[in-house]
Amino acid sequence: MSAPDQGQADALNKAVARATGDVILWLNADDVIMPGAIASASAALVANPSLDFAYGDFDIIDAAGALIRSYPLE
């Protein structure tokens, strides 16, 4: 669905308001999901039902996929 909005945050808020599932994955057009990421997030949410969200380590990569910087969680 496409409709006028007030920018990315407004569009995302509208999408979340229309969502009917239990879990929402926000993936931007230039994001890459690493193998095992969804399973790890799902396991964290199942093991801790009081969590509102889950996230993990992430890397910044260039257009060719080369690593620029890593952001590991403690």
PDB file of N, CA and C in Angstrom:
ATOM      1  N   MET A   1       0.837  -1.179   0.000  1.00  0.00           N
ATOM      2  CA  MET A   1       0.000   0.000   0.000  1.00  0.00           C
ATOM      3  C   MET A   1       0.881   1.240   0.000  1.00  0.00           C
ATOM      4  N   SER A   2       0.519   2.220  -0.759  1.00  0.00           N
ATOM      5  CA  SER A   2       1.244   3.484  -0.804  1.00  0.00           C
ATOM      6  C   SER A   2       0.252   4.608  -0.557  1.00  0.00           C
ATOM      7  N   ALA A   3       0.673   5.563   0.266  1.00  0.00           N
ATOM      8  CA  ALA A   3      -0.193   6.699   0.588  1.00  0.00           C
ATOM      9  C   ALA A   3       0.673   7.878   1.006  1.00  0.00           C
ATOM     10  N   PRO A   4       0.147   9.085   0.903  1.00  0.00           N
ATOM     11  CA  PRO A   4       0.909  10.244   1.365  1.00  0.00           C
ATOM     12  C   PRO A   4       1.194  10.127   2.861  1.00  0.00           C
ATOM     13  N   ASP A   5       2.373  10.603   3.269  1.00  0.00           N
ATOM     14  CA  ASP A   5       2.723  10.605   4.688  1.00  0.00           C
ATOM     15  C   ASP A   5       3.639  11.789   4.973  1.00  0.00           C
ATOM     16  N   GLN A   6       4.022  11.894   6.220  1.00  0.00           N
ATOM     17  CA  GLN A   6       4.877  13.005   6.657  1.00  0.00           C
ATOM     18  C   GLN A   6       6.324  12.561   6.858  1.00  0.00           C
ATOM     19  N   GLY A   7       6.757  11.543   6.135  1.00  0.00           N
ATOM     20  CA  GLY A   7       8.127  11.063   6.241  1.00  0.00           C
ATOM     21  C   GLY A   7       8.190   9.636   6.771  1.00  0.00           C
ATOM     22  N   GLN A   8       9.425   9.139   6.919  1.00  0.00           N
ATOM     23  CA  GLN A   8       9.635   7.748   7.294  1.00  0.00           C
ATOM     24  C   GLN A   8       8.988   7.393   8.628  1.00  0.00           C
ATOM     25  N   ALA A   9       9.157   8.216   9.652  1.00  0.00           N
ATOM     26  CA  ALA A   9       8.591   7.895  10.962  1.00  0.00           C
ATOM     27  C   ALA A   9       7.062   7.815  10.892  1.00  0.00           C
ATOM     28  N   ASP A  10       6.446   8.729  10.178  1.00  0.00           N
ATOM     29  CA  ASP A  10       4.988   8.715  10.032  1.00  0.00           C
ATOM     30  C   ASP A  10       4.536   7.463   9.290  1.00  0.00           C
ATOM     31  N   ALA A  11       5.243   7.113   8.228  1.00  0.00           N
ATOM     32  CA  ALA A  11       4.892   5.913   7.460  1.00  0.00           C
ATOM     33  C   ALA A  11       5.047   4.661   8.319  1.00  0.00           C
ATOM     34  N   LEU A  12       6.119   4.589   9.100  1.00  0.00           N
ATOM     35  CA  LEU A  12       6.331   3.439   9.974  1.00  0.00           C
ATOM     36  C   LEU A  12       5.248   3.352  11.050  1.00  0.00           C
ATOM     37  N   ASN A  13       4.897   4.478  11.643  1.00  0.00           N
ATOM     38  CA  ASN A  13       3.824   4.488  12.645  1.00  0.00           C
ATOM     39  C   ASN A  13       2.507   4.008  12.057  1.00  0.00           C
ATOM     40  N   LYS A  14       2.204   4.416  10.834  1.00  0.00           N
ATOM     41  CA  LYS A  14       0.977   3.956  10.180  1.00  0.00           C
ATOM     42  C   LYS A  14       1.027   2.450   9.927  1.00  0.00           C
ATOM     43  N   ALA A  15       2.186   1.949   9.519  1.00  0.00           N
ATOM     44  CA  ALA A  15       2.330   0.513   9.261  1.00  0.00           C
ATOM     45  C   ALA A  15       2.166  -0.289  10.542  1.00  0.00           C
ATOM     46  N   VAL A  16       2.785   0.157  11.626  1.00  0.00           N
ATOM     47  CA  VAL A  16       2.677  -0.546  12.905  1.00  0.00           C
ATOM     48  C   VAL A  16       1.229  -0.547  13.391  1.00  0.00           C
ATOM     49  N   ALA A  17       0.539   0.560  13.205  1.00  0.00           N
ATOM     50  CA  ALA A  17      -0.862   0.641  13.629  1.00  0.00           C
ATOM     51  C   ALA A  17      -1.738  -0.357  12.869  1.00  0.00           C
ATOM     52  N   ARG A  18      -1.374  -0.671  11.632  1.00  0.00           N
ATOM     53  CA  ARG A  18      -2.158  -1.613  10.823  1.00  0.00           C
ATOM     54  C   ARG A  18      -1.742  -3.070  11.013  1.00  0.00           C
ATOM     55  N   ALA A  19      -0.595  -3.292  11.636  1.00  0.00           N
ATOM     56  CA  ALA A  19      -0.062  -4.653  11.789  1.00  0.00           C
ATOM     57  C   ALA A  19      -0.988  -5.507  12.649  1.00  0.00           C
ATOM     58  N   THR A  20      -1.054  -6.784  12.316  1.00  0.00           N
ATOM     59  CA  THR A  20      -1.922  -7.698  13.051  1.00  0.00           C
ATOM     60  C   THR A  20      -1.150  -8.831  13.718  1.00  0.00           C
ATOM     61  N   GLY A  21       0.141  -8.909  13.520  1.00  0.00           N
ATOM     62  CA  GLY A  21       0.936  -9.993  14.095  1.00  0.00           C
ATOM     63  C   GLY A  21       1.443  -9.676  15.489  1.00  0.00           C
ATOM     64  N   ASP A  22       2.129 -10.639  16.073  1.00  0.00           N
ATOM     65  CA  ASP A  22       2.698 -10.477  17.401  1.00  0.00           C
ATOM     66  C   ASP A  22       4.079  -9.843  17.367  1.00  0.00           C
ATOM     67  N   VAL A  23       4.779  -9.967  16.240  1.00  0.00           N
ATOM     68  CA  VAL A  23       6.147  -9.472  16.117  1.00  0.00           C
ATOM     69  C   VAL A  23       6.265  -8.659  14.835  1.00  0.00           C
ATOM     70  N   ILE A  24       7.000  -7.552  14.926  1.00  0.00           N
ATOM     71  CA  ILE A  24       7.231  -6.703  13.760  1.00  0.00           C
ATOM     72  C   ILE A  24       8.731  -6.622  13.528  1.00  0.00           C
ATOM     73  N   LEU A  25       9.159  -6.818  12.293  1.00  0.00           N
ATOM     74  CA  LEU A  25      10.557  -6.648  11.903  1.00  0.00           C
ATOM     75  C   LEU A  25      10.641  -5.398  11.050  1.00  0.00           C
ATOM     76  N   TRP A  26      11.458  -4.457  11.487  1.00  0.00           N
ATOM     77  CA  TRP A  26      11.659  -3.231  10.720  1.00  0.00           C
ATOM     78  C   TRP A  26      12.966  -3.387   9.965  1.00  0.00           C
ATOM     79  N   LEU A  27      12.877  -3.447   8.655  1.00  0.00           N
ATOM     80  CA  LEU A  27      14.038  -3.646   7.800  1.00  0.00           C
ATOM     81  C   LEU A  27      14.052  -2.562   6.738  1.00  0.00           C
ATOM     82  N   ASN A  28      15.070  -1.725   6.775  1.00  0.00           N
ATOM     83  CA  ASN A  28      15.202  -0.689   5.748  1.00  0.00           C
ATOM     84  C   ASN A  28      15.715  -1.302   4.455  1.00  0.00           C
ATOM     85  N   ALA A  29      15.577  -0.576   3.370  1.00  0.00           N
ATOM     86  CA  ALA A  29      15.918  -1.090   2.047  1.00  0.00           C
ATOM     87  C   ALA A  29      17.387  -1.486   1.939  1.00  0.00           C
ATOM     88  N   ASP A  30      18.271  -0.847   2.700  1.00  0.00           N
ATOM     89  CA  ASP A  30      19.695  -1.161   2.611  1.00  0.00           C
ATOM     90  C   ASP A  30      20.185  -2.049   3.752  1.00  0.00           C
ATOM     91  N   ASP A  31      19.276  -2.627   4.538  1.00  0.00           N
ATOM     92  CA  ASP A  31      19.646  -3.505   5.642  1.00  0.00           C
ATOM     93  C   ASP A  31      19.798  -4.943   5.157  1.00  0.00           C
ATOM     94  N   VAL A  32      20.612  -5.707   5.873  1.00  0.00           N
ATOM     95  CA  VAL A  32      20.827  -7.125   5.591  1.00  0.00           C
ATOM     96  C   VAL A  32      20.612  -7.885   6.894  1.00  0.00           C
ATOM     97  N   ILE A  33      19.825  -8.946   6.852  1.00  0.00           N
ATOM     98  CA  ILE A  33      19.641  -9.792   8.022  1.00  0.00           C
ATOM     99  C   ILE A  33      20.653 -10.925   7.945  1.00  0.00           C
ATOM    100  N   MET A  34      21.446 -11.065   9.001  1.00  0.00           N
ATOM    101  CA  MET A  34      22.455 -12.113   9.030  1.00  0.00           C
ATOM    102  C   MET A  34      21.819 -13.459   9.370  1.00  0.00           C
ATOM    103  N   PRO A  35      22.433 -14.551   8.909  1.00  0.00           N
ATOM    104  CA  PRO A  35      21.913 -15.882   9.227  1.00  0.00           C
ATOM    105  C   PRO A  35      21.796 -16.068  10.749  1.00  0.00           C
ATOM    106  N   GLY A  36      20.679 -16.577  11.188  1.00  0.00           N
ATOM    107  CA  GLY A  36      20.451 -16.837  12.606  1.00  0.00           C
ATOM    108  C   GLY A  36      19.878 -15.673  13.385  1.00  0.00           C
ATOM    109  N   ALA A  37      19.814 -14.491  12.789  1.00  0.00           N
ATOM    110  CA  ALA A  37      19.352 -13.304  13.516  1.00  0.00           C
ATOM    111  C   ALA A  37      17.889 -13.420  13.924  1.00  0.00           C
ATOM    112  N   ILE A  38      17.044 -13.865  13.027  1.00  0.00           N
ATOM    113  CA  ILE A  38      15.614 -13.968  13.351  1.00  0.00           C
ATOM    114  C   ILE A  38      15.393 -15.048  14.405  1.00  0.00           C
ATOM    115  N   ALA A  39      16.079 -16.179  14.279  1.00  0.00           N
ATOM    116  CA  ALA A  39      15.948 -17.245  15.277  1.00  0.00           C
ATOM    117  C   ALA A  39      16.412 -16.766  16.648  1.00  0.00           C
ATOM    118  N   SER A  40      17.503 -16.008  16.696  1.00  0.00           N
ATOM    119  CA  SER A  40      18.005 -15.506  17.981  1.00  0.00           C
ATOM    120  C   SER A  40      17.034 -14.515  18.611  1.00  0.00           C
ATOM    121  N   ALA A  41      16.507 -13.601  17.802  1.00  0.00           N
ATOM    122  CA  ALA A  41      15.543 -12.627  18.327  1.00  0.00           C
ATOM    123  C   ALA A  41      14.274 -13.333  18.792  1.00  0.00           C
ATOM    124  N   SER A  42      13.816 -14.299  18.018  1.00  0.00           N
ATOM    125  CA  SER A  42      12.609 -15.051  18.402  1.00  0.00           C
ATOM    126  C   SER A  42      12.830 -15.785  19.720  1.00  0.00           C
ATOM    127  N   ALA A  43      13.987 -16.415  19.873  1.00  0.00           N
ATOM    128  CA  ALA A  43      14.290 -17.135  21.109  1.00  0.00           C
ATOM    129  C   ALA A  43      14.319 -16.184  22.299  1.00  0.00           C
ATOM    130  N   ALA A  44      14.883 -14.994  22.117  1.00  0.00           N
ATOM    131  CA  ALA A  44      14.927 -14.013  23.203  1.00  0.00           C
ATOM    132  C   ALA A  44      13.527 -13.568  23.596  1.00  0.00           C
ATOM    133  N   LEU A  45      12.668 -13.346  22.625  1.00  0.00           N
ATOM    134  CA  LEU A  45      11.298 -12.912  22.911  1.00  0.00           C
ATOM    135  C   LEU A  45      10.488 -14.013  23.588  1.00  0.00           C
ATOM    136  N   VAL A  46      10.691 -15.258  23.173  1.00  0.00           N
ATOM    137  CA  VAL A  46       9.971 -16.382  23.795  1.00  0.00           C
ATOM    138  C   VAL A  46      10.466 -16.604  25.227  1.00  0.00           C
ATOM    139  N   ALA A  47      11.781 -16.509  25.426  1.00  0.00           N
ATOM    140  CA  ALA A  47      12.358 -16.744  26.760  1.00  0.00           C
ATOM    141  C   ALA A  47      12.030 -15.621  27.744  1.00  0.00           C
ATOM    142  N   ASN A  48      11.741 -14.439  27.221  1.00  0.00           N
ATOM    143  CA  ASN A  48      11.478 -13.270  28.067  1.00  0.00           C
ATOM    144  C   ASN A  48      10.216 -12.563  27.577  1.00  0.00           C
ATOM    145  N   PRO A  49       9.029 -13.096  27.890  1.00  0.00           N
ATOM    146  CA  PRO A  49       7.776 -12.547  27.359  1.00  0.00           C
ATOM    147  C   PRO A  49       7.519 -11.084  27.723  1.00  0.00           C
ATOM    148  N   SER A  50       8.203 -10.560  28.728  1.00  0.00           N
ATOM    149  CA  SER A  50       7.986  -9.165  29.109  1.00  0.00           C
ATOM    150  C   SER A  50       8.763  -8.185  28.225  1.00  0.00           C
ATOM    151  N   LEU A  51       9.626  -8.701  27.345  1.00  0.00           N
ATOM    152  CA  LEU A  51      10.390  -7.817  26.457  1.00  0.00           C
ATOM    153  C   LEU A  51       9.467  -7.115  25.465  1.00  0.00           C
ATOM    154  N   ASP A  52       9.746  -5.854  25.223  1.00  0.00           N
ATOM    155  CA  ASP A  52       9.023  -5.104  24.201  1.00  0.00           C
ATOM    156  C   ASP A  52       9.713  -5.191  22.853  1.00  0.00           C
ATOM    157  N   PHE A  53      11.030  -5.376  22.851  1.00  0.00           N
ATOM    158  CA  PHE A  53      11.771  -5.497  21.599  1.00  0.00           C
ATOM    159  C   PHE A  53      13.066  -6.254  21.843  1.00  0.00           C
ATOM    160  N   ALA A  54      13.660  -6.740  20.752  1.00  0.00           N
ATOM    161  CA  ALA A  54      14.944  -7.440  20.818  1.00  0.00           C
ATOM    162  C   ALA A  54      15.808  -6.945  19.670  1.00  0.00           C
ATOM    163  N   TYR A  55      17.080  -6.816  19.941  1.00  0.00           N
ATOM    164  CA  TYR A  55      18.026  -6.447  18.895  1.00  0.00           C
ATOM    165  C   TYR A  55      19.373  -7.054  19.252  1.00  0.00           C
ATOM    166  N   GLY A  56      20.275  -7.096  18.311  1.00  0.00           N
ATOM    167  CA  GLY A  56      21.572  -7.724  18.559  1.00  0.00           C
ATOM    168  C   GLY A  56      22.707  -6.903  18.011  1.00  0.00           C
ATOM    169  N   ASP A  57      23.871  -7.544  17.935  1.00  0.00           N
ATOM    170  CA  ASP A  57      25.039  -6.892  17.357  1.00  0.00           C
ATOM    171  C   ASP A  57      24.692  -6.420  15.946  1.00  0.00           C
ATOM    172  N   PHE A  58      25.367  -5.390  15.493  1.00  0.00           N
ATOM    173  CA  PHE A  58      25.187  -5.017  14.098  1.00  0.00           C
ATOM    174  C   PHE A  58      26.474  -4.460  13.520  1.00  0.00           C
ATOM    175  N   ASP A  59      26.584  -4.549  12.226  1.00  0.00           N
ATOM    176  CA  ASP A  59      27.744  -4.057  11.487  1.00  0.00           C
ATOM    177  C   ASP A  59      27.308  -2.993  10.508  1.00  0.00           C
ATOM    178  N   ILE A  60      28.185  -2.037  10.278  1.00  0.00           N
ATOM    179  CA  ILE A  60      28.009  -1.072   9.198  1.00  0.00           C
ATOM    180  C   ILE A  60      28.878  -1.571   8.051  1.00  0.00           C
ATOM    181  N   ILE A  61      28.260  -1.740   6.879  1.00  0.00           N
ATOM    182  CA  ILE A  61      28.994  -2.212   5.710  1.00  0.00           C
ATOM    183  C   ILE A  61      28.836  -1.209   4.576  1.00  0.00           C
ATOM    184  N   ASP A  62      29.756  -1.275   3.624  1.00  0.00           N
ATOM    185  CA  ASP A  62      29.639  -0.395   2.460  1.00  0.00           C
ATOM    186  C   ASP A  62      28.810  -1.077   1.375  1.00  0.00           C
ATOM    187  N   ALA A  63      28.650  -0.421   0.238  1.00  0.00           N
ATOM    188  CA  ALA A  63      27.798  -0.938  -0.845  1.00  0.00           C
ATOM    189  C   ALA A  63      28.274  -2.289  -1.366  1.00  0.00           C
ATOM    190  N   ALA A  64      29.574  -2.583  -1.225  1.00  0.00           N
ATOM    191  CA  ALA A  64      30.116  -3.865  -1.680  1.00  0.00           C
ATOM    192  C   ALA A  64      30.039  -4.940  -0.602  1.00  0.00           C
ATOM    193  N   GLY A  65      29.557  -4.572   0.589  1.00  0.00           N
ATOM    194  CA  GLY A  65      29.452  -5.533   1.682  1.00  0.00           C
ATOM    195  C   GLY A  65      30.673  -5.600   2.575  1.00  0.00           C
ATOM    196  N   ALA A  66      31.649  -4.717   2.348  1.00  0.00           N
ATOM    197  CA  ALA A  66      32.859  -4.704   3.178  1.00  0.00           C
ATOM    198  C   ALA A  66      32.555  -4.031   4.519  1.00  0.00           C
ATOM    199  N   LEU A  67      33.085  -4.605   5.582  1.00  0.00           N
ATOM    200  CA  LEU A  67      32.864  -4.104   6.929  1.00  0.00           C
ATOM    201  C   LEU A  67      33.507  -2.733   7.130  1.00  0.00           C
ATOM    202  N   ILE A  68      32.719  -1.793   7.643  1.00  0.00           N
ATOM    203  CA  ILE A  68      33.227  -0.477   8.014  1.00  0.00           C
ATOM    204  C   ILE A  68      33.448  -0.421   9.519  1.00  0.00           C
ATOM    205  N   ARG A  69      32.445  -0.878  10.288  1.00  0.00           N
ATOM    206  CA  ARG A  69      32.540  -0.857  11.747  1.00  0.00           C
ATOM    207  C   ARG A  69      31.534  -1.840  12.337  1.00  0.00           C
ATOM    208  N   SER A  70      31.931  -2.496  13.428  1.00  0.00           N
ATOM    209  CA  SER A  70      31.055  -3.406  14.156  1.00  0.00           C
ATOM    210  C   SER A  70      30.567  -2.738  15.435  1.00  0.00           C
ATOM    211  N   TYR A  71      29.347  -3.072  15.841  1.00  0.00           N
ATOM    212  CA  TYR A  71      28.760  -2.598  17.089  1.00  0.00           C
ATOM    213  C   TYR A  71      28.286  -3.820  17.886  1.00  0.00           C
ATOM    214  N   PRO A  72      29.214  -4.465  18.631  1.00  0.00           N
ATOM    215  CA  PRO A  72      28.806  -5.639  19.413  1.00  0.00           C
ATOM    216  C   PRO A  72      28.104  -5.215  20.707  1.00  0.00           C
ATOM    217  N   LEU A  73      27.164  -6.057  21.143  1.00  0.00           N
ATOM    218  CA  LEU A  73      26.499  -5.835  22.426  1.00  0.00           C
ATOM    219  C   LEU A  73      27.373  -6.381  23.542  1.00  0.00           C
ATOM    220  N   GLU A  74      27.243  -5.820  24.717  1.00  0.00           N
ATOM    221  CA  GLU A  74      27.997  -6.333  25.862  1.00  0.00           C
ATOM    222  C   GLU A  74      27.248  -7.475  26.515  1.00  0.00           C
TER     223      GLU A  74
END
